[in-house]
């Protein structure tokens, strides 16, 4: 197996690592131009443009967008006919995801100053959210759960799902997951045209307030283009896993964890950091031996060859330093006393502690969200969660006494900025009580 073997203490390691982990974030001009064309067509012509693109890209010849709508009956029927084991697994995952996200539900709060002024925050859910569920190289019922359940926990009233159905094949697991997660409406459409429909609305698909969920380069470009009209979760790049291992975990386990991200697509990244050269050799041997058994062998092999690495480090302290430089989407700390090292990690989307915490469990059913920052954005962003579907409004209730003390401060600052009306507005409330007036319509 052709995968890089690197030494973190080699003179050229920093340059090699920077090249290996670099991602091209510059927009592809050809993709951007095509996406602009699609978005403008959907904005201008709504359903008719959506039908044309669905015919062109998904080979589905519908005469009305209503034919592409997946009704609640169809979603619940998919759940009903699902095999017992599949249904049990989906239900267990949904329950765990829901319980985890319920812990993060923000609540209103307020504080009262000694003069009676009340300050606080009002937390309200977004009204309507769109979730994009990919349907290209694989289907992702787990993405339905991870995107829709936090929205439902947050109190979002309407969750509109779009999921491409090439050749008209609607994935029953995706539909069953939508029923479990509380999706309110669903459409078998995808690509940039689906993002445009969610952002601007068509005659059939309602416009939403925020769009979440992963997709291909065209979907990412469309989300970037409509941001501002709607909110978006993030612009996700290829999947990433970084494993720190002291050599105490079975090398076959580590090899399979590397595979678990490499199999997503050819641009995915899988890296091991270990201070044990014999263990690195054992993992390389395991990778070579196990790779031929993988259903997605070619994708894994390309990913590991182009962006993978097995890196020898001086010690686990150095491994943590490198992890912070990479800021990976998924970080496994597969060591003895793994919790000891978590305090050294500043940047990671999700941290898996100990040899039994495989990243795959986080992808499906542990509970925390699998929609995570990639491409080093874990330096400043966080996993998708309930807070992404809630918004905060400041609440300011000023007492008569507070208007005098705060008014003096505001007046001074407003005059300093040359904003006389601001100053006068504050000053008028400093001089006395509210003038008595009878509200209109009252005797």
Protein backbone atom coordinates (compact mmCIF):
# COMPACT_ATOMS: atom_id res chain seq x y z
CA UNK A 1 0.00 0.00 0.00
CA UNK A 2 1.42 3.37 -1.04
CA UNK A 3 0.92 5.74 1.91
CA UNK A 4 3.31 8.38 3.19
CA UNK A 5 5.57 7.46 6.10
CA UNK A 6 6.67 10.69 7.76
CA UNK A 7 8.89 11.69 10.67
CA UNK A 8 7.66 14.72 12.59
CA UNK A 9 11.25 15.63 13.49
CA UNK A 10 12.59 15.59 9.95
CA UNK A 11 13.81 18.99 8.70
CA UNK A 12 11.17 19.25 5.98
CA UNK A 13 8.22 17.92 8.04
CA UNK A 14 6.49 21.27 8.55
CA UNK A 15 6.49 22.01 4.84
CA UNK A 16 5.33 18.47 4.01
CA UNK A 17 2.52 18.60 6.57
CA UNK A 18 1.33 21.99 5.32
CA UNK A 19 1.22 20.66 1.76
CA UNK A 20 -0.51 17.43 2.82
CA UNK A 21 -3.26 19.12 4.84
CA UNK A 22 -3.81 22.08 2.51
CA UNK A 23 -7.25 22.36 0.98
CA UNK A 24 -8.09 24.51 -1.99
CA UNK A 25 -10.75 26.87 -0.65
CA UNK A 26 -10.74 29.12 -3.72
CA UNK A 27 -14.01 28.80 -5.62
CA UNK A 28 -13.90 26.82 -8.85
CA UNK A 29 -14.88 29.45 -11.41
CA UNK A 30 -16.53 26.97 -13.75
CA UNK A 31 -18.64 25.54 -10.92
CA UNK A 32 -19.46 29.02 -9.63
CA UNK A 33 -20.63 30.13 -13.08
CA UNK A 34 -22.81 27.06 -13.54
CA UNK A 35 -24.29 27.45 -10.06
CA UNK A 36 -25.06 31.13 -10.70
CA UNK A 37 -26.91 30.14 -13.86
CA UNK A 38 -28.93 27.48 -12.03
CA UNK A 39 -29.81 29.76 -9.11
CA UNK A 40 -30.93 32.61 -11.35
CA UNK A 41 -33.08 30.22 -13.41
CA UNK A 42 -34.79 28.86 -10.29
CA UNK A 43 -35.31 32.38 -8.92
CA UNK A 44 -36.85 33.54 -12.19
CA UNK A 45 -38.89 30.50 -13.21
CA UNK A 46 -39.39 28.51 -10.01
CA UNK A 47 -40.94 25.10 -10.50
CA UNK A 48 -40.37 24.93 -14.26
CA UNK A 49 -36.61 25.43 -13.89
CA UNK A 50 -36.51 22.93 -11.02
CA UNK A 51 -38.23 20.33 -13.21
CA UNK A 52 -35.79 20.94 -16.07
CA UNK A 53 -32.73 20.48 -13.87
CA UNK A 54 -34.18 17.41 -12.16
CA UNK A 55 -34.78 15.91 -15.61
CA UNK A 56 -31.25 16.79 -16.71
CA UNK A 57 -29.28 15.76 -13.63
CA UNK A 58 -31.38 13.05 -11.97
CA UNK A 59 -33.07 11.65 -15.10
CA UNK A 60 -36.52 12.03 -13.54
CA UNK A 61 -39.20 13.25 -15.94
CA UNK A 62 -41.90 14.85 -13.80
CA UNK A 63 -44.58 17.21 -15.09
CA UNK A 64 -45.05 19.03 -11.77
CA UNK A 65 -42.93 19.54 -8.67
CA UNK A 66 -45.81 18.11 -6.69
CA UNK A 67 -44.90 14.73 -8.20
CA UNK A 68 -41.47 15.08 -6.57
CA UNK A 69 -42.91 15.72 -3.13
CA UNK A 70 -42.53 12.85 -0.69
CA UNK A 71 -45.64 12.80 1.43
CA UNK A 72 -45.79 12.08 5.13
CA UNK A 73 -47.62 8.83 4.32
CA UNK A 74 -44.71 7.65 2.15
CA UNK A 75 -42.16 8.51 4.85
CA UNK A 76 -44.12 6.71 7.57
CA UNK A 77 -44.76 3.75 5.26
CA UNK A 78 -40.99 3.41 4.73
CA UNK A 79 -40.56 3.28 8.50
CA UNK A 80 -43.37 0.76 8.91
CA UNK A 81 -42.02 -1.73 6.37
CA UNK A 82 -38.42 -1.39 7.50
CA UNK A 83 -36.87 -4.58 8.82
CA UNK A 84 -36.93 -4.96 12.57
CA UNK A 85 -33.16 -4.71 12.99
CA UNK A 86 -32.87 -1.62 10.78
CA UNK A 87 -35.77 0.06 12.54
CA UNK A 88 -34.32 -0.72 15.96
CA UNK A 89 -30.95 0.74 14.94
CA UNK A 90 -32.51 3.92 13.53
CA UNK A 91 -34.69 4.36 16.62
CA UNK A 92 -31.77 3.85 19.01
CA UNK A 93 -29.65 6.35 17.08
CA UNK A 94 -32.50 8.88 16.98
CA UNK A 95 -33.15 8.54 20.71
CA UNK A 96 -29.50 9.03 21.61
CA UNK A 97 -29.11 12.02 19.29
CA UNK A 98 -32.24 13.60 20.75
CA UNK A 99 -31.17 13.07 24.37
CA UNK A 100 -27.74 14.55 23.71
CA UNK A 101 -29.05 17.67 22.01
CA UNK A 102 -31.72 18.27 24.64
CA UNK A 103 -28.88 19.02 27.06
CA UNK A 104 -27.81 22.00 24.93
CA UNK A 105 -31.21 23.67 24.65
CA UNK A 106 -30.75 27.36 25.51
CA UNK A 107 -33.32 29.09 27.68
CA UNK A 108 -34.41 32.68 28.26
CA UNK A 109 -32.59 34.46 31.08
CA UNK A 110 -32.63 37.85 32.75
CA UNK A 111 -30.87 39.91 35.41
CA UNK A 112 -32.30 42.81 37.40
CA UNK A 113 -30.17 45.82 38.34
CA UNK A 114 -30.56 47.42 41.79
CA UNK A 115 -32.51 50.30 40.19
CA UNK A 116 -35.06 47.90 38.70
CA UNK A 117 -33.73 47.83 35.16
CA UNK A 118 -34.16 44.35 33.67
CA UNK A 119 -31.81 42.95 31.02
CA UNK A 120 -32.01 39.56 29.45
CA UNK A 121 -32.14 37.30 26.42
CA UNK A 122 -35.16 35.86 24.67
CA UNK A 123 -34.41 32.57 22.86
CA UNK A 124 -36.66 31.60 19.95
CA UNK A 125 -36.42 28.89 17.28
CA UNK A 126 -35.96 29.56 13.58
CA UNK A 127 -39.33 29.29 11.85
CA UNK A 128 -38.46 27.11 8.86
CA UNK A 129 -35.29 25.16 8.07
CA UNK A 130 -34.19 23.27 4.96
CA UNK A 131 -32.01 20.18 5.28
CA UNK A 132 -30.02 18.86 2.33
CA UNK A 133 -29.40 15.11 2.31
CA UNK A 134 -26.82 13.85 -0.22
CA UNK A 135 -27.73 11.03 -2.57
CA UNK A 136 -24.73 10.51 -4.83
CA UNK A 137 -22.08 7.89 -4.05
CA UNK A 138 -24.00 6.75 -0.96
CA UNK A 139 -27.23 7.46 0.91
CA UNK A 140 -27.11 8.97 4.36
CA UNK A 141 -30.06 8.36 6.70
CA UNK A 142 -27.70 9.33 9.54
CA UNK A 143 -27.47 12.83 8.03
CA UNK A 144 -31.24 13.13 8.23
CA UNK A 145 -31.15 12.34 11.94
CA UNK A 146 -28.18 14.61 12.67
CA UNK A 147 -29.67 17.61 10.86
CA UNK A 148 -33.37 17.30 11.62
CA UNK A 149 -33.38 16.18 15.26
CA UNK A 150 -31.49 19.19 16.69
CA UNK A 151 -33.84 21.43 14.70
CA UNK A 152 -36.84 19.64 16.18
CA UNK A 153 -35.37 19.85 19.70
CA UNK A 154 -34.85 23.59 19.17
CA UNK A 155 -38.53 23.97 18.35
CA UNK A 156 -38.33 24.57 14.59
CA UNK A 157 -41.90 24.25 13.33
CA UNK A 158 -41.20 23.38 9.70
CA UNK A 159 -38.34 21.18 8.47
CA UNK A 160 -38.17 20.87 4.68
CA UNK A 161 -35.94 18.04 3.41
CA UNK A 162 -34.49 17.83 -0.10
CA UNK A 163 -32.73 14.68 -1.25
CA UNK A 164 -31.84 13.79 -4.84
CA UNK A 165 -33.34 10.56 -6.17
CA UNK A 166 -31.39 9.65 -9.32
CA UNK A 167 -33.55 7.68 -11.75
CA UNK A 168 -36.43 8.09 -9.32
CA UNK A 169 -35.01 5.73 -6.70
CA UNK A 170 -36.03 7.02 -3.27
CA UNK A 171 -33.97 5.47 -0.50
CA UNK A 172 -36.27 3.82 2.09
CA UNK A 173 -33.80 4.28 4.95
CA UNK A 174 -33.63 8.02 4.26
CA UNK A 175 -37.42 8.24 4.22
CA UNK A 176 -37.72 6.20 7.41
CA UNK A 177 -35.16 8.43 9.11
CA UNK A 178 -37.13 11.49 8.00
CA UNK A 179 -40.26 10.08 9.62
CA UNK A 180 -38.40 9.41 12.88
CA UNK A 181 -36.69 12.81 12.90
CA UNK A 182 -39.85 14.85 12.40
CA UNK A 183 -39.35 16.15 8.86
CA UNK A 184 -42.53 18.02 7.90
CA UNK A 185 -42.17 18.08 4.09
CA UNK A 186 -39.74 16.39 1.72
CA UNK A 187 -38.89 16.64 -1.97
CA UNK A 188 -36.91 14.30 -4.23
CA UNK A 189 -34.73 17.05 -5.68
CA UNK A 190 -31.05 17.80 -5.23
CA UNK A 191 -28.09 19.81 -6.40
CA UNK A 192 -27.72 23.57 -6.63
CA UNK A 193 -31.29 23.78 -7.90
CA UNK A 194 -32.61 22.36 -4.63
CA UNK A 195 -30.57 24.87 -2.61
CA UNK A 196 -31.95 27.69 -4.76
CA UNK A 197 -35.51 26.44 -4.27
CA UNK A 198 -35.04 26.39 -0.49
CA UNK A 199 -33.44 29.82 -0.43
CA UNK A 200 -35.88 31.68 -2.67
CA UNK A 201 -38.93 29.46 -2.76
CA UNK A 202 -40.83 28.25 -5.81
CA UNK A 203 -44.51 27.83 -6.53
CA UNK A 204 -44.39 24.52 -4.61
CA UNK A 205 -41.36 24.54 -2.32
CA UNK A 206 -41.51 27.16 0.46
CA UNK A 207 -38.55 29.43 1.14
CA UNK A 208 -36.71 28.63 4.37
CA UNK A 209 -34.72 30.72 6.82
CA UNK A 210 -31.64 28.49 7.06
CA UNK A 211 -30.15 25.62 5.04
CA UNK A 212 -28.07 22.87 6.65
CA UNK A 213 -26.55 19.63 5.47
CA UNK A 214 -23.59 18.46 3.37
CA UNK A 215 -23.34 18.09 -0.40
CA UNK A 216 -21.00 18.06 -3.37
CA UNK A 217 -19.06 21.01 -4.77
CA UNK A 218 -22.15 22.37 -6.54
CA UNK A 219 -24.22 22.24 -3.36
CA UNK A 220 -21.42 23.95 -1.39
CA UNK A 221 -21.12 26.65 -4.05
CA UNK A 222 -24.88 27.19 -4.00
CA UNK A 223 -24.92 27.51 -0.22
CA UNK A 224 -22.12 30.06 -0.42
CA UNK A 225 -24.06 31.97 -3.07
CA UNK A 226 -27.37 32.16 -1.15
CA UNK A 227 -25.81 32.97 2.23
CA UNK A 228 -27.22 36.26 3.40
CA UNK A 229 -30.60 35.55 1.91
CA UNK A 230 -30.69 32.56 4.24
CA UNK A 231 -28.40 31.29 6.96
CA UNK A 232 -26.24 28.24 6.37
CA UNK A 233 -24.53 25.85 8.75
CA UNK A 234 -21.04 25.66 7.23
CA UNK A 235 -19.16 25.00 4.00
CA UNK A 236 -17.95 21.47 4.58
CA UNK A 237 -14.86 20.10 2.91
CA UNK A 238 -13.66 16.50 2.57
CA UNK A 239 -13.90 14.21 5.60
CA UNK A 240 -10.90 14.04 7.96
CA UNK A 241 -9.65 11.80 10.73
CA UNK A 242 -6.50 12.22 12.83
CA UNK A 243 -5.57 9.42 15.21
CA UNK A 244 -3.10 9.77 18.09
CA UNK A 245 -2.09 6.31 19.30
CA UNK A 246 0.57 5.23 21.79
CA UNK A 247 0.74 1.72 20.36
CA UNK A 248 -1.58 0.07 22.89
CA UNK A 249 -4.54 -0.29 20.50
CA UNK A 250 -4.91 -3.22 18.09
CA UNK A 251 -3.32 -2.04 14.79
CA UNK A 252 -6.21 -3.61 12.86
CA UNK A 253 -8.60 -1.31 14.74
CA UNK A 254 -6.52 1.72 13.82
CA UNK A 255 -6.28 0.67 10.17
CA UNK A 256 -10.05 0.31 9.98
CA UNK A 257 -10.56 3.70 11.63
CA UNK A 258 -8.35 5.24 8.95
CA UNK A 259 -10.42 3.44 6.30
CA UNK A 260 -13.66 4.71 7.85
CA UNK A 261 -12.95 8.25 6.66
CA UNK A 262 -10.93 7.42 3.56
CA UNK A 263 -13.91 5.54 2.12
CA UNK A 264 -16.05 8.70 1.98
CA UNK A 265 -14.32 10.01 -1.14
CA UNK A 266 -10.96 10.30 -2.82
CA UNK A 267 -10.21 13.68 -1.21
CA UNK A 268 -10.83 12.48 2.36
CA UNK A 269 -7.87 12.57 4.75
CA UNK A 270 -6.68 9.96 7.27
CA UNK A 271 -3.52 10.48 9.37
CA UNK A 272 -1.95 8.53 12.24
CA UNK A 273 0.44 10.07 14.80
CA UNK A 274 2.39 7.61 16.97
CA UNK A 275 5.65 7.67 18.93
CA UNK A 276 6.15 3.91 18.41
CA UNK A 277 7.95 2.97 15.14
CA UNK A 278 7.09 -0.71 15.53
CA UNK A 279 3.42 0.18 15.90
CA UNK A 280 3.54 2.34 12.80
CA UNK A 281 4.92 -0.63 10.88
CA UNK A 282 2.16 -2.83 12.31
CA UNK A 283 -0.53 -0.38 11.18
CA UNK A 284 1.02 -0.23 7.71
CA UNK A 285 0.94 -4.03 7.56
CA UNK A 286 -2.71 -4.03 8.70
CA UNK A 287 -3.64 -1.43 6.07
CA UNK A 288 -2.00 -3.51 3.35
CA UNK A 289 -3.65 -6.73 4.51
CA UNK A 290 -7.16 -5.37 5.13
CA UNK A 291 -7.50 -3.04 2.16
CA UNK A 292 -8.37 -5.80 -0.37
CA UNK A 293 -11.34 -6.80 1.80
CA UNK A 294 -12.98 -3.35 1.60
CA UNK A 295 -16.03 -2.83 -0.66
CA UNK A 296 -14.85 0.71 -1.42
CA UNK A 297 -11.23 -0.31 -1.87
CA UNK A 298 -10.43 1.98 -4.80
CA UNK A 299 -11.72 5.09 -3.05
CA UNK A 300 -9.82 4.23 0.14
CA UNK A 301 -6.62 3.50 -1.75
CA UNK A 302 -6.77 6.78 -3.67
CA UNK A 303 -7.52 8.75 -0.51
CA UNK A 304 -4.67 7.20 1.48
CA UNK A 305 -2.22 7.54 -1.39
CA UNK A 306 -3.01 11.21 -2.05
CA UNK A 307 -3.75 12.61 1.42
CA UNK A 308 -2.99 9.93 4.01
CA UNK A 309 0.08 9.56 6.24
CA UNK A 310 1.51 7.48 9.08
CA UNK A 311 3.62 9.89 11.13
CA UNK A 312 6.27 9.06 13.72
CA UNK A 313 6.33 11.65 16.53
CA UNK A 314 8.75 12.23 19.39
CA UNK A 315 6.09 11.77 22.08
CA UNK A 316 2.38 12.33 22.73
CA UNK A 317 2.98 15.96 23.66
CA UNK A 318 4.28 16.58 20.17
CA UNK A 319 1.33 14.64 18.75
CA UNK A 320 -1.07 17.02 20.50
CA UNK A 321 0.82 20.03 19.16
CA UNK A 322 0.51 18.68 15.62
CA UNK A 323 -3.17 17.90 16.17
CA UNK A 324 -3.79 21.54 17.06
CA UNK A 325 -2.05 22.64 13.87
CA UNK A 326 -4.21 20.32 11.77
CA UNK A 327 -7.47 21.12 13.68
CA UNK A 328 -9.10 17.93 12.39
CA UNK A 329 -12.76 17.21 11.91
CA UNK A 330 -12.41 13.95 13.90
CA UNK A 331 -9.65 13.34 16.46
CA UNK A 332 -9.19 9.94 18.07
CA UNK A 333 -6.92 9.80 21.13
CA UNK A 334 -6.44 6.06 21.32
CA UNK A 335 -4.07 5.81 24.26
CA UNK A 336 -3.88 4.59 27.81
CA UNK A 337 -5.43 7.22 30.13
CA UNK A 338 -6.67 9.11 27.08
CA UNK A 339 -8.49 11.73 29.14
CA UNK A 340 -5.10 12.97 30.32
CA UNK A 341 -4.47 14.51 26.91
CA UNK A 342 -7.76 16.27 26.26
CA UNK A 343 -6.61 19.41 28.05
CA UNK A 344 -3.88 19.84 25.44
CA UNK A 345 -6.34 19.83 22.53
CA UNK A 346 -7.62 23.26 21.48
CA UNK A 347 -8.89 22.62 17.95
CA UNK A 348 -10.97 19.62 16.88
CA UNK A 349 -14.51 19.07 15.66
CA UNK A 350 -15.10 15.92 17.72
CA UNK A 351 -12.72 14.20 20.15
CA UNK A 352 -12.93 10.43 20.69
CA UNK A 353 -11.23 9.20 23.86
CA UNK A 354 -9.83 5.72 24.38
CA UNK A 355 -9.44 2.61 22.23
CA UNK A 356 -13.16 1.76 22.18
CA UNK A 357 -14.30 5.18 20.93
CA UNK A 358 -14.23 4.62 17.20
CA UNK A 359 -15.17 7.54 15.00
CA UNK A 360 -17.82 5.37 13.33
CA UNK A 361 -19.86 5.35 16.53
CA UNK A 362 -19.91 9.13 16.44
CA UNK A 363 -21.06 9.09 12.83
CA UNK A 364 -24.17 7.11 13.65
CA UNK A 365 -25.37 6.73 17.17
CA UNK A 366 -23.19 7.98 20.05
CA UNK A 367 -25.31 11.14 20.27
CA UNK A 368 -23.13 14.19 19.45
CA UNK A 369 -23.58 15.59 15.96
CA UNK A 370 -21.58 14.28 13.04
CA UNK A 371 -21.89 17.54 11.09
CA UNK A 372 -18.46 18.94 11.97
CA UNK A 373 -16.07 21.69 10.88
CA UNK A 374 -13.47 20.59 8.31
CA UNK A 375 -10.48 22.13 6.55
CA UNK A 376 -9.03 23.61 9.78
CA UNK A 377 -12.24 25.54 10.51
CA UNK A 378 -12.39 23.81 13.91
CA UNK A 379 -10.08 26.66 14.95
CA UNK A 380 -13.12 28.94 15.03
CA UNK A 381 -16.31 26.92 14.54
CA UNK A 382 -18.23 24.12 16.21
CA UNK A 383 -20.32 21.03 15.46
CA UNK A 384 -23.91 21.49 14.33
CA UNK A 385 -26.21 21.66 17.32
CA UNK A 386 -29.40 23.03 18.80
CA UNK A 387 -27.89 26.53 18.96
CA UNK A 388 -27.74 26.56 15.15
CA UNK A 389 -31.53 26.44 15.10
CA UNK A 390 -32.16 28.99 17.85
CA UNK A 391 -31.68 32.73 17.79
CA UNK A 392 -31.31 35.24 20.59
CA UNK A 393 -33.00 38.60 21.04
CA UNK A 394 -31.74 41.04 23.65
CA UNK A 395 -34.45 42.24 26.05
CA UNK A 396 -34.00 45.65 27.69
CA UNK A 397 -36.54 47.03 30.16
CA UNK A 398 -35.39 50.31 31.73
CA UNK A 399 -36.78 51.61 35.02
CA UNK A 400 -37.33 55.32 35.69
CA UNK A 401 -34.26 55.38 37.92
CA UNK A 402 -32.25 53.49 35.32
CA UNK A 403 -33.21 56.00 32.64
CA UNK A 404 -31.52 58.75 34.67
CA UNK A 405 -28.22 56.97 35.29
CA UNK A 406 -27.97 55.25 31.91
CA UNK A 407 -29.23 58.36 30.14
CA UNK A 408 -26.29 60.40 31.43
CA UNK A 409 -23.84 57.82 30.12
CA UNK A 410 -25.58 57.47 26.76
CA UNK A 411 -25.85 61.24 26.34
CA UNK A 412 -22.15 61.76 26.95
CA UNK A 413 -21.17 59.03 24.46
CA UNK A 414 -23.71 60.14 21.84
CA UNK A 415 -22.46 63.75 21.94
CA UNK A 416 -18.93 62.40 21.57
CA UNK A 417 -20.00 60.67 18.38
CA UNK A 418 -21.84 63.72 17.08
CA UNK A 419 -25.25 62.04 17.19
CA UNK A 420 -27.49 64.67 18.69
CA UNK A 421 -30.80 62.85 18.31
CA UNK A 422 -29.39 59.88 20.18
CA UNK A 423 -28.31 62.17 23.00
CA UNK A 424 -31.62 64.03 23.12
CA UNK A 425 -33.60 60.78 23.11
CA UNK A 426 -31.72 59.67 26.23
CA UNK A 427 -31.87 63.09 27.88
CA UNK A 428 -35.63 63.47 27.52
CA UNK A 429 -36.12 60.42 29.74
CA UNK A 430 -33.87 61.82 32.45
CA UNK A 431 -36.09 64.74 33.43
CA UNK A 432 -39.14 63.07 34.95
CA UNK A 433 -41.92 60.55 34.79
CA UNK A 434 -43.69 59.36 31.66
CA UNK A 435 -46.33 61.96 30.74
CA UNK A 436 -49.84 60.64 31.45
CA UNK A 437 -51.67 59.74 28.24
CA UNK A 438 -54.78 57.70 27.62
CA UNK A 439 -54.15 54.86 25.14
CA UNK A 440 -56.32 55.11 22.03
CA UNK A 441 -59.50 53.13 22.28
CA UNK A 442 -59.70 53.41 26.08
CA UNK A 443 -62.08 55.72 27.93
